[in-house]
Full PDB file with SEQRES, HELIX, SHEET, SSBOND, CRYST1, ORIGX, SCALE, CONECT and MASTER records, all heavy atoms in Angstrom:
SEQRES   1 A   33  ILE HIS ALA GLU ALA GLU LEU LYS LYS LEU ASP LEU GLN          
SEQRES   2 A   33  ASN LEU VAL LYS ARG PHE PRO GLY ILE GLU ASP ARG ILE          
SEQRES   3 A   33  ARG LYS GLU LYS THR GLY HIS                                  
HELIX    1 AA1 HIS A    2  LYS A    9  1                                   8    
CRYST1    1.000    1.000    1.000  90.00  90.00  90.00 P 1           1          
ORIGX1      1.000000  0.000000  0.000000        0.00000                         
ORIGX2      0.000000  1.000000  0.000000        0.00000                         
ORIGX3      0.000000  0.000000  1.000000        0.00000                         
SCALE1      1.000000  0.000000  0.000000        0.00000                         
SCALE2      0.000000  1.000000  0.000000        0.00000                         
SCALE3      0.000000  0.000000  1.000000        0.00000                         
ATOM      1  N   ILE A   1       7.181   4.746   1.482  1.00  0.00           N  
ATOM      2  CA  ILE A   1       7.721   5.701   2.455  1.00  0.00           C  
ATOM      3  C   ILE A   1       6.625   6.543   3.048  1.00  0.00           C  
ATOM      4  O   ILE A   1       6.588   6.816   4.250  1.00  0.00           O  
ATOM      5  CB  ILE A   1       8.742   6.606   1.724  1.00  0.00           C  
ATOM      6  CG1 ILE A   1      10.019   5.752   1.347  1.00  0.00           C  
ATOM      7  CG2 ILE A   1       9.154   7.784   2.594  1.00  0.00           C  
ATOM      8  CD1 ILE A   1      10.940   6.475   0.407  1.00  0.00           C  
ATOM      9  N   HIS A   2       5.680   6.953   2.159  1.00  0.00           N  
ATOM     10  CA  HIS A   2       4.579   7.795   2.682  1.00  0.00           C  
ATOM     11  C   HIS A   2       3.725   7.008   3.638  1.00  0.00           C  
ATOM     12  O   HIS A   2       3.388   7.492   4.761  1.00  0.00           O  
ATOM     13  CB  HIS A   2       3.719   8.236   1.507  1.00  0.00           C  
ATOM     14  CG  HIS A   2       2.429   8.838   1.922  1.00  0.00           C  
ATOM     15  ND1 HIS A   2       2.284  10.202   2.272  1.00  0.00           N  
ATOM     16  CD2 HIS A   2       1.174   8.288   2.117  1.00  0.00           C  
ATOM     17  CE1 HIS A   2       1.031  10.434   2.592  1.00  0.00           C  
ATOM     18  NE2 HIS A   2       0.326   9.356   2.525  1.00  0.00           N  
ATOM     19  N   ALA A   3       3.384   5.764   3.348  1.00  0.00           N  
ATOM     20  CA  ALA A   3       2.515   4.923   4.178  1.00  0.00           C  
ATOM     21  C   ALA A   3       3.130   4.705   5.549  1.00  0.00           C  
ATOM     22  O   ALA A   3       2.462   4.828   6.565  1.00  0.00           O  
ATOM     23  CB  ALA A   3       2.201   3.614   3.486  1.00  0.00           C  
ATOM     24  N   GLU A   4       4.380   4.394   5.527  1.00  0.00           N  
ATOM     25  CA  GLU A   4       5.032   4.074   6.832  1.00  0.00           C  
ATOM     26  C   GLU A   4       5.188   5.334   7.733  1.00  0.00           C  
ATOM     27  O   GLU A   4       5.088   5.254   8.917  1.00  0.00           O  
ATOM     28  CB  GLU A   4       6.382   3.420   6.581  1.00  0.00           C  
ATOM     29  CG  GLU A   4       6.195   2.040   5.996  1.00  0.00           C  
ATOM     30  CD  GLU A   4       7.455   1.277   5.628  1.00  0.00           C  
ATOM     31  OE1 GLU A   4       8.559   1.856   5.821  1.00  0.00           O  
ATOM     32  OE2 GLU A   4       7.350   0.133   5.227  1.00  0.00           O  
ATOM     33  N   ALA A   5       5.322   6.494   7.067  1.00  0.00           N  
ATOM     34  CA  ALA A   5       5.338   7.751   7.827  1.00  0.00           C  
ATOM     35  C   ALA A   5       3.979   8.007   8.446  1.00  0.00           C  
ATOM     36  O   ALA A   5       3.877   8.496   9.620  1.00  0.00           O  
ATOM     37  CB  ALA A   5       5.836   8.915   6.912  1.00  0.00           C  
ATOM     38  N   GLU A   6       2.937   7.739   7.679  1.00  0.00           N  
ATOM     39  CA  GLU A   6       1.571   7.947   8.189  1.00  0.00           C  
ATOM     40  C   GLU A   6       1.281   7.024   9.376  1.00  0.00           C  
ATOM     41  O   GLU A   6       0.679   7.429  10.374  1.00  0.00           O  
ATOM     42  CB  GLU A   6       0.553   7.694   7.060  1.00  0.00           C  
ATOM     43  CG  GLU A   6       0.485   8.804   5.987  1.00  0.00           C  
ATOM     44  CD  GLU A   6       0.100  10.158   6.577  1.00  0.00           C  
ATOM     45  OE1 GLU A   6      -0.971  10.218   7.263  1.00  0.00           O  
ATOM     46  OE2 GLU A   6       0.887  11.095   6.396  1.00  0.00           O  
ATOM     47  N   LEU A   7       1.703   5.797   9.266  1.00  0.00           N  
ATOM     48  CA  LEU A   7       1.427   4.814  10.370  1.00  0.00           C  
ATOM     49  C   LEU A   7       2.118   5.268  11.636  1.00  0.00           C  
ATOM     50  O   LEU A   7       1.579   5.091  12.717  1.00  0.00           O  
ATOM     51  CB  LEU A   7       1.927   3.427   9.909  1.00  0.00           C  
ATOM     52  CG  LEU A   7       1.165   2.758   8.809  1.00  0.00           C  
ATOM     53  CD1 LEU A   7       1.832   1.538   8.338  1.00  0.00           C  
ATOM     54  CD2 LEU A   7      -0.289   2.485   9.228  1.00  0.00           C  
ATOM     55  N   LYS A   8       3.308   5.846  11.538  1.00  0.00           N  
ATOM     56  CA  LYS A   8       4.016   6.328  12.727  1.00  0.00           C  
ATOM     57  C   LYS A   8       3.276   7.439  13.436  1.00  0.00           C  
ATOM     58  O   LYS A   8       3.414   7.614  14.650  1.00  0.00           O  
ATOM     59  CB  LYS A   8       5.427   6.729  12.340  1.00  0.00           C  
ATOM     60  CG  LYS A   8       6.376   5.560  12.024  1.00  0.00           C  
ATOM     61  CD  LYS A   8       7.756   6.037  11.660  1.00  0.00           C  
ATOM     62  CE  LYS A   8       8.658   4.854  11.298  1.00  0.00           C  
ATOM     63  NZ  LYS A   8       9.989   5.264  10.913  1.00  0.00           N  
ATOM     64  N   LYS A   9       2.483   8.187  12.673  1.00  0.00           N  
ATOM     65  CA  LYS A   9       1.712   9.279  13.289  1.00  0.00           C  
ATOM     66  C   LYS A   9       0.791   8.777  14.403  1.00  0.00           C  
ATOM     67  O   LYS A   9       0.530   9.430  15.396  1.00  0.00           O  
ATOM     68  CB  LYS A   9       0.884   9.999  12.220  1.00  0.00           C  
ATOM     69  CG  LYS A   9       1.695  10.854  11.236  1.00  0.00           C  
ATOM     70  CD  LYS A   9       0.724  11.544  10.313  1.00  0.00           C  
ATOM     71  CE  LYS A   9       1.445  12.393   9.284  1.00  0.00           C  
ATOM     72  NZ  LYS A   9       0.500  13.059   8.324  1.00  0.00           N  
ATOM     73  N   LEU A  10       0.266   7.539  14.170  1.00  0.00           N  
ATOM     74  CA  LEU A  10      -0.683   6.973  15.175  1.00  0.00           C  
ATOM     75  C   LEU A  10      -0.042   5.753  15.860  1.00  0.00           C  
ATOM     76  O   LEU A  10      -0.744   5.011  16.510  1.00  0.00           O  
ATOM     77  CB  LEU A  10      -2.001   6.565  14.469  1.00  0.00           C  
ATOM     78  CG  LEU A  10      -3.104   7.639  14.430  1.00  0.00           C  
ATOM     79  CD1 LEU A  10      -2.689   8.816  13.578  1.00  0.00           C  
ATOM     80  CD2 LEU A  10      -4.415   7.072  13.983  1.00  0.00           C  
ATOM     81  N   ASP A  11       1.260   5.635  15.766  1.00  0.00           N  
ATOM     82  CA  ASP A  11       1.982   4.558  16.455  1.00  0.00           C  
ATOM     83  C   ASP A  11       1.413   3.217  15.981  1.00  0.00           C  
ATOM     84  O   ASP A  11       1.271   2.254  16.795  1.00  0.00           O  
ATOM     85  CB  ASP A  11       1.929   4.713  17.946  1.00  0.00           C  
ATOM     86  CG  ASP A  11       2.865   3.773  18.682  1.00  0.00           C  
ATOM     87  OD1 ASP A  11       3.926   3.442  18.108  1.00  0.00           O  
ATOM     88  OD2 ASP A  11       2.577   3.386  19.849  1.00  0.00           O  
ATOM     89  N   LEU A  12       1.214   3.040  14.691  1.00  0.00           N  
ATOM     90  CA  LEU A  12       0.630   1.803  14.140  1.00  0.00           C  
ATOM     91  C   LEU A  12       1.677   0.985  13.354  1.00  0.00           C  
ATOM     92  O   LEU A  12       1.291  -0.005  12.762  1.00  0.00           O  
ATOM     93  CB  LEU A  12      -0.570   2.097  13.223  1.00  0.00           C  
ATOM     94  CG  LEU A  12      -1.769   2.736  13.915  1.00  0.00           C  
ATOM     95  CD1 LEU A  12      -2.824   3.101  12.800  1.00  0.00           C  
ATOM     96  CD2 LEU A  12      -2.404   1.787  14.886  1.00  0.00           C  
ATOM     97  N   GLN A  13       2.892   1.411  13.387  1.00  0.00           N  
ATOM     98  CA  GLN A  13       3.915   0.796  12.526  1.00  0.00           C  
ATOM     99  C   GLN A  13       4.166  -0.691  12.909  1.00  0.00           C  
ATOM    100  O   GLN A  13       4.604  -1.500  12.077  1.00  0.00           O  
ATOM    101  CB  GLN A  13       5.231   1.569  12.544  1.00  0.00           C  
ATOM    102  CG  GLN A  13       5.933   1.548  13.925  1.00  0.00           C  
ATOM    103  CD  GLN A  13       5.488   2.715  14.814  1.00  0.00           C  
ATOM    104  OE1 GLN A  13       4.420   3.288  14.636  1.00  0.00           O  
ATOM    105  NE2 GLN A  13       6.319   3.046  15.833  1.00  0.00           N  
ATOM    106  N   ASN A  14       3.874  -1.048  14.112  1.00  0.00           N  
ATOM    107  CA  ASN A  14       4.086  -2.462  14.504  1.00  0.00           C  
ATOM    108  C   ASN A  14       2.839  -3.293  14.302  1.00  0.00           C  
ATOM    109  O   ASN A  14       2.945  -4.551  14.229  1.00  0.00           O  
ATOM    110  CB  ASN A  14       4.513  -2.568  16.019  1.00  0.00           C  
ATOM    111  CG  ASN A  14       5.886  -1.972  16.201  1.00  0.00           C  
ATOM    112  OD1 ASN A  14       6.754  -2.081  15.379  1.00  0.00           O  
ATOM    113  ND2 ASN A  14       6.061  -1.253  17.337  1.00  0.00           N  
ATOM    114  N   LEU A  15       1.710  -2.662  14.172  1.00  0.00           N  
ATOM    115  CA  LEU A  15       0.443  -3.375  13.934  1.00  0.00           C  
ATOM    116  C   LEU A  15       0.217  -3.597  12.454  1.00  0.00           C  
ATOM    117  O   LEU A  15      -0.270  -4.658  12.065  1.00  0.00           O  
ATOM    118  CB  LEU A  15      -0.700  -2.609  14.599  1.00  0.00           C  
ATOM    119  CG  LEU A  15      -2.112  -3.227  14.382  1.00  0.00           C  
ATOM    120  CD1 LEU A  15      -2.275  -4.514  15.161  1.00  0.00           C  
ATOM    121  CD2 LEU A  15      -3.191  -2.238  14.763  1.00  0.00           C  
ATOM    122  N   VAL A  16       0.407  -2.570  11.674  1.00  0.00           N  
ATOM    123  CA  VAL A  16       0.095  -2.562  10.221  1.00  0.00           C  
ATOM    124  C   VAL A  16       1.320  -2.887   9.438  1.00  0.00           C  
ATOM    125  O   VAL A  16       2.321  -2.183   9.486  1.00  0.00           O  
ATOM    126  CB  VAL A  16      -0.538  -1.238   9.811  1.00  0.00           C  
ATOM    127  CG1 VAL A  16      -0.880  -1.286   8.300  1.00  0.00           C  
ATOM    128  CG2 VAL A  16      -1.732  -0.905  10.642  1.00  0.00           C  
ATOM    129  N   LYS A  17       1.272  -3.985   8.681  1.00  0.00           N  
ATOM    130  CA  LYS A  17       2.412  -4.450   7.941  1.00  0.00           C  
ATOM    131  C   LYS A  17       2.201  -4.340   6.410  1.00  0.00           C  
ATOM    132  O   LYS A  17       1.041  -4.431   5.959  1.00  0.00           O  
ATOM    133  CB  LYS A  17       2.757  -5.923   8.268  1.00  0.00           C  
ATOM    134  CG  LYS A  17       3.106  -6.142   9.736  1.00  0.00           C  
ATOM    135  CD  LYS A  17       4.294  -5.325  10.150  1.00  0.00           C  
ATOM    136  CE  LYS A  17       4.701  -5.611  11.617  1.00  0.00           C  
ATOM    137  NZ  LYS A  17       5.804  -4.761  12.018  1.00  0.00           N  
ATOM    138  N   ARG A  18       3.253  -4.190   5.691  1.00  0.00           N  
ATOM    139  CA  ARG A  18       3.176  -4.078   4.232  1.00  0.00           C  
ATOM    140  C   ARG A  18       2.777  -5.435   3.632  1.00  0.00           C  
ATOM    141  O   ARG A  18       3.244  -6.504   4.033  1.00  0.00           O  
ATOM    142  CB  ARG A  18       4.486  -3.658   3.640  1.00  0.00           C  
ATOM    143  CG  ARG A  18       4.522  -3.559   2.103  1.00  0.00           C  
ATOM    144  CD  ARG A  18       5.881  -3.151   1.570  1.00  0.00           C  
ATOM    145  NE  ARG A  18       5.897  -3.113   0.151  1.00  0.00           N  
ATOM    146  CZ  ARG A  18       6.091  -4.116  -0.669  1.00  0.00           C  
ATOM    147  NH1 ARG A  18       6.372  -5.341  -0.153  1.00  0.00           N  
ATOM    148  NH2 ARG A  18       6.087  -3.991  -1.992  1.00  0.00           N  
ATOM    149  N   PHE A  19       1.882  -5.393   2.635  1.00  0.00           N  
ATOM    150  CA  PHE A  19       1.443  -6.576   1.873  1.00  0.00           C  
ATOM    151  C   PHE A  19       1.701  -6.249   0.404  1.00  0.00           C  
ATOM    152  O   PHE A  19       1.188  -5.290  -0.132  1.00  0.00           O  
ATOM    153  CB  PHE A  19      -0.054  -6.865   2.075  1.00  0.00           C  
ATOM    154  CG  PHE A  19      -0.480  -8.245   1.703  1.00  0.00           C  
ATOM    155  CD1 PHE A  19      -0.512  -9.288   2.663  1.00  0.00           C  
ATOM    156  CD2 PHE A  19      -0.834  -8.544   0.416  1.00  0.00           C  
ATOM    157  CE1 PHE A  19      -0.960 -10.563   2.307  1.00  0.00           C  
ATOM    158  CE2 PHE A  19      -1.212  -9.816   0.053  1.00  0.00           C  
ATOM    159  CZ  PHE A  19      -1.263 -10.827   0.979  1.00  0.00           C  
ATOM    160  N   PRO A  20       2.535  -7.001  -0.282  1.00  0.00           N  
ATOM    161  CA  PRO A  20       2.887  -6.717  -1.683  1.00  0.00           C  
ATOM    162  C   PRO A  20       1.718  -6.793  -2.597  1.00  0.00           C  
ATOM    163  O   PRO A  20       0.965  -7.784  -2.556  1.00  0.00           O  
ATOM    164  CB  PRO A  20       3.980  -7.748  -2.019  1.00  0.00           C  
ATOM    165  CG  PRO A  20       3.795  -8.856  -1.065  1.00  0.00           C  
ATOM    166  CD  PRO A  20       3.254  -8.212   0.221  1.00  0.00           C  
ATOM    167  N   GLY A  21       1.529  -5.763  -3.403  1.00  0.00           N  
ATOM    168  CA  GLY A  21       0.425  -5.758  -4.342  1.00  0.00           C  
ATOM    169  C   GLY A  21       0.767  -6.500  -5.651  1.00  0.00           C  
ATOM    170  O   GLY A  21       1.856  -6.879  -5.897  1.00  0.00           O  
ATOM    171  N   ILE A  22      -0.315  -6.631  -6.462  1.00  0.00           N  
ATOM    172  CA  ILE A  22      -0.186  -7.300  -7.753  1.00  0.00           C  
ATOM    173  C   ILE A  22      -0.131  -6.228  -8.849  1.00  0.00           C  
ATOM    174  O   ILE A  22      -1.042  -5.413  -8.987  1.00  0.00           O  
ATOM    175  CB  ILE A  22      -1.390  -8.231  -8.018  1.00  0.00           C  
ATOM    176  CG1 ILE A  22      -1.509  -9.295  -6.881  1.00  0.00           C  
ATOM    177  CG2 ILE A  22      -1.329  -8.920  -9.361  1.00  0.00           C  
ATOM    178  CD1 ILE A  22      -2.799 -10.032  -6.868  1.00  0.00           C  
ATOM    179  N   GLU A  23       0.905  -6.207  -9.634  1.00  0.00           N  
ATOM    180  CA  GLU A  23       1.063  -5.172 -10.653  1.00  0.00           C  
ATOM    181  C   GLU A  23       0.142  -5.409 -11.822  1.00  0.00           C  
ATOM    182  O   GLU A  23      -0.061  -6.531 -12.293  1.00  0.00           O  
ATOM    183  CB  GLU A  23       2.520  -5.098 -11.146  1.00  0.00           C  
ATOM    184  CG  GLU A  23       2.772  -3.920 -12.046  1.00  0.00           C  
ATOM    185  CD  GLU A  23       4.269  -3.699 -12.333  1.00  0.00           C  
ATOM    186  OE1 GLU A  23       5.114  -4.358 -11.695  1.00  0.00           O  
ATOM    187  OE2 GLU A  23       4.558  -2.896 -13.205  1.00  0.00           O  
ATOM    188  N   ASP A  24      -0.433  -4.327 -12.274  1.00  0.00           N  
ATOM    189  CA  ASP A  24      -1.295  -4.323 -13.476  1.00  0.00           C  
ATOM    190  C   ASP A  24      -0.469  -4.397 -14.748  1.00  0.00           C  
ATOM    191  O   ASP A  24       0.187  -3.450 -15.158  1.00  0.00           O  
ATOM    192  CB  ASP A  24      -2.207  -3.113 -13.464  1.00  0.00           C  
ATOM    193  CG  ASP A  24      -3.119  -3.009 -14.702  1.00  0.00           C  
ATOM    194  OD1 ASP A  24      -3.272  -4.044 -15.372  1.00  0.00           O  
ATOM    195  OD2 ASP A  24      -3.664  -1.940 -14.941  1.00  0.00           O  
ATOM    196  N   ARG A  25      -0.494  -5.504 -15.439  1.00  0.00           N  
ATOM    197  CA  ARG A  25       0.272  -5.713 -16.663  1.00  0.00           C  
ATOM    198  C   ARG A  25      -0.591  -5.476 -17.924  1.00  0.00           C  
ATOM    199  O   ARG A  25      -0.133  -5.310 -19.027  1.00  0.00           O  
ATOM    200  CB  ARG A  25       0.803  -7.136 -16.736  1.00  0.00           C  
ATOM    201  CG  ARG A  25       1.692  -7.551 -15.590  1.00  0.00           C  
ATOM    202  CD  ARG A  25       3.066  -6.859 -15.657  1.00  0.00           C  
ATOM    203  NE  ARG A  25       3.983  -7.340 -14.609  1.00  0.00           N  
ATOM    204  CZ  ARG A  25       5.232  -6.912 -14.429  1.00  0.00           C  
ATOM    205  NH1 ARG A  25       5.691  -5.992 -15.238  1.00  0.00           N  
ATOM    206  NH2 ARG A  25       5.980  -7.399 -13.492  1.00  0.00           N  
ATOM    207  N   ILE A  26      -1.894  -5.386 -17.673  1.00  0.00           N  
ATOM    208  CA  ILE A  26      -2.820  -5.213 -18.813  1.00  0.00           C  
ATOM    209  C   ILE A  26      -3.004  -3.737 -19.140  1.00  0.00           C  
ATOM    210  O   ILE A  26      -3.075  -3.305 -20.304  1.00  0.00           O  
ATOM    211  CB  ILE A  26      -4.176  -5.930 -18.531  1.00  0.00           C  
ATOM    212  CG1 ILE A  26      -3.952  -7.391 -18.284  1.00  0.00           C  
ATOM    213  CG2 ILE A  26      -5.166  -5.670 -19.679  1.00  0.00           C  
ATOM    214  CD1 ILE A  26      -5.193  -8.178 -17.874  1.00  0.00           C  
ATOM    215  N   ARG A  27      -3.215  -2.960 -18.105  1.00  0.00           N  
ATOM    216  CA  ARG A  27      -3.320  -1.513 -18.163  1.00  0.00           C  
ATOM    217  C   ARG A  27      -4.493  -1.054 -19.123  1.00  0.00           C  
ATOM    218  O   ARG A  27      -4.287  -0.241 -20.047  1.00  0.00           O  
ATOM    219  CB  ARG A  27      -1.979  -0.870 -18.637  1.00  0.00           C  
ATOM    220  CG  ARG A  27      -0.898  -1.063 -17.577  1.00  0.00           C  
ATOM    221  CD  ARG A  27       0.396  -0.413 -17.992  1.00  0.00           C  
ATOM    222  NE  ARG A  27       0.315   1.026 -18.127  1.00  0.00           N  
ATOM    223  CZ  ARG A  27       0.357   1.843 -17.041  1.00  0.00           C  
ATOM    224  NH1 ARG A  27       0.460   1.391 -15.859  1.00  0.00           N  
ATOM    225  NH2 ARG A  27       0.312   3.125 -17.243  1.00  0.00           N  
ATOM    226  N   LYS A  28      -5.627  -1.633 -18.919  1.00  0.00           N  
ATOM    227  CA  LYS A  28      -6.808  -1.203 -19.564  1.00  0.00           C  
ATOM    228  C   LYS A  28      -7.748  -0.596 -18.510  1.00  0.00           C  
ATOM    229  O   LYS A  28      -7.436  -0.575 -17.304  1.00  0.00           O  
ATOM    230  CB  LYS A  28      -7.519  -2.348 -20.312  1.00  0.00           C  
ATOM    231  CG  LYS A  28      -6.737  -2.872 -21.497  1.00  0.00           C  
ATOM    232  CD  LYS A  28      -7.498  -3.924 -22.223  1.00  0.00           C  
ATOM    233  CE  LYS A  28      -6.701  -4.402 -23.471  1.00  0.00           C  
ATOM    234  NZ  LYS A  28      -7.448  -5.502 -24.195  1.00  0.00           N  
ATOM    235  N   GLU A  29      -8.941  -0.134 -18.912  1.00  0.00           N  
ATOM    236  CA  GLU A  29      -9.815   0.547 -17.978  1.00  0.00           C  
ATOM    237  C   GLU A  29     -10.151  -0.300 -16.755  1.00  0.00           C  
ATOM    238  O   GLU A  29     -10.664  -1.460 -16.904  1.00  0.00           O  
ATOM    239  CB  GLU A  29     -11.144   0.933 -18.685  1.00  0.00           C  
ATOM    240  CG  GLU A  29     -12.045   1.737 -17.805  1.00  0.00           C  
ATOM    241  CD  GLU A  29     -13.301   2.205 -18.513  1.00  0.00           C  
ATOM    242  OE1 GLU A  29     -13.472   1.835 -19.687  1.00  0.00           O  
ATOM    243  OE2 GLU A  29     -14.119   2.908 -17.920  1.00  0.00           O  
ATOM    244  N   LYS A  30      -9.851   0.195 -15.582  1.00  0.00           N  
ATOM    245  CA  LYS A  30     -10.141  -0.407 -14.291  1.00  0.00           C  
ATOM    246  C   LYS A  30      -9.367  -1.653 -13.966  1.00  0.00           C  
ATOM    247  O   LYS A  30      -9.524  -2.296 -12.944  1.00  0.00           O  
ATOM    248  CB  LYS A  30     -11.632  -0.654 -14.138  1.00  0.00           C  
ATOM    249  CG  LYS A  30     -12.488   0.594 -14.091  1.00  0.00           C  
ATOM    250  CD  LYS A  30     -13.968   0.278 -13.968  1.00  0.00           C  
ATOM    251  CE  LYS A  30     -14.342  -0.175 -12.550  1.00  0.00           C  
ATOM    252  NZ  LYS A  30     -15.797  -0.314 -12.416  1.00  0.00           N  
ATOM    253  N   THR A  31      -8.442  -2.117 -14.883  1.00  0.00           N  
ATOM    254  CA  THR A  31      -7.699  -3.316 -14.542  1.00  0.00           C  
ATOM    255  C   THR A  31      -6.778  -3.145 -13.346  1.00  0.00           C  
ATOM    256  O   THR A  31      -6.541  -4.073 -12.596  1.00  0.00           O  
ATOM    257  CB  THR A  31      -6.852  -3.814 -15.776  1.00  0.00           C  
ATOM    258  OG1 THR A  31      -6.047  -2.753 -16.272  1.00  0.00           O  
ATOM    259  CG2 THR A  31      -7.812  -4.308 -16.906  1.00  0.00           C  
ATOM    260  N   GLY A  32      -6.289  -1.909 -13.168  1.00  0.00           N  
ATOM    261  CA  GLY A  32      -5.516  -1.617 -11.987  1.00  0.00           C  
ATOM    262  C   GLY A  32      -6.313  -1.777 -10.710  1.00  0.00           C  
ATOM    263  O   GLY A  32      -5.811  -2.268  -9.693  1.00  0.00           O  
ATOM    264  N   HIS A  33      -7.580  -1.356 -10.771  1.00  0.00           N  
ATOM    265  CA  HIS A  33      -8.458  -1.530  -9.643  1.00  0.00           C  
ATOM    266  C   HIS A  33      -8.743  -3.021  -9.330  1.00  0.00           C  
ATOM    267  O   HIS A  33      -8.939  -3.419  -8.204  1.00  0.00           O  
ATOM    268  CB  HIS A  33      -9.742  -0.785  -9.886  1.00  0.00           C  
ATOM    269  CG  HIS A  33      -9.611   0.709 -10.027  1.00  0.00           C  
ATOM    270  ND1 HIS A  33      -9.223   1.528  -9.020  1.00  0.00           N  
ATOM    271  CD2 HIS A  33      -9.732   1.518 -11.111  1.00  0.00           C  
ATOM    272  CE1 HIS A  33      -9.106   2.762  -9.445  1.00  0.00           C  
ATOM    273  NE2 HIS A  33      -9.428   2.773 -10.729  1.00  0.00           N  
TER     274      HIS A  33                                                      
MASTER        0    0    0    1    0    0    0    6  273    1    0    3          
END                                                                             
């Protein structure tokens, strides 16, 4: 919701599309990164 609101500020909602991320199942240091 936040990202899409930000994109509308610069009229980028049609250019920039959502890409689904990969969830961190290990949850150790830096694995989320």
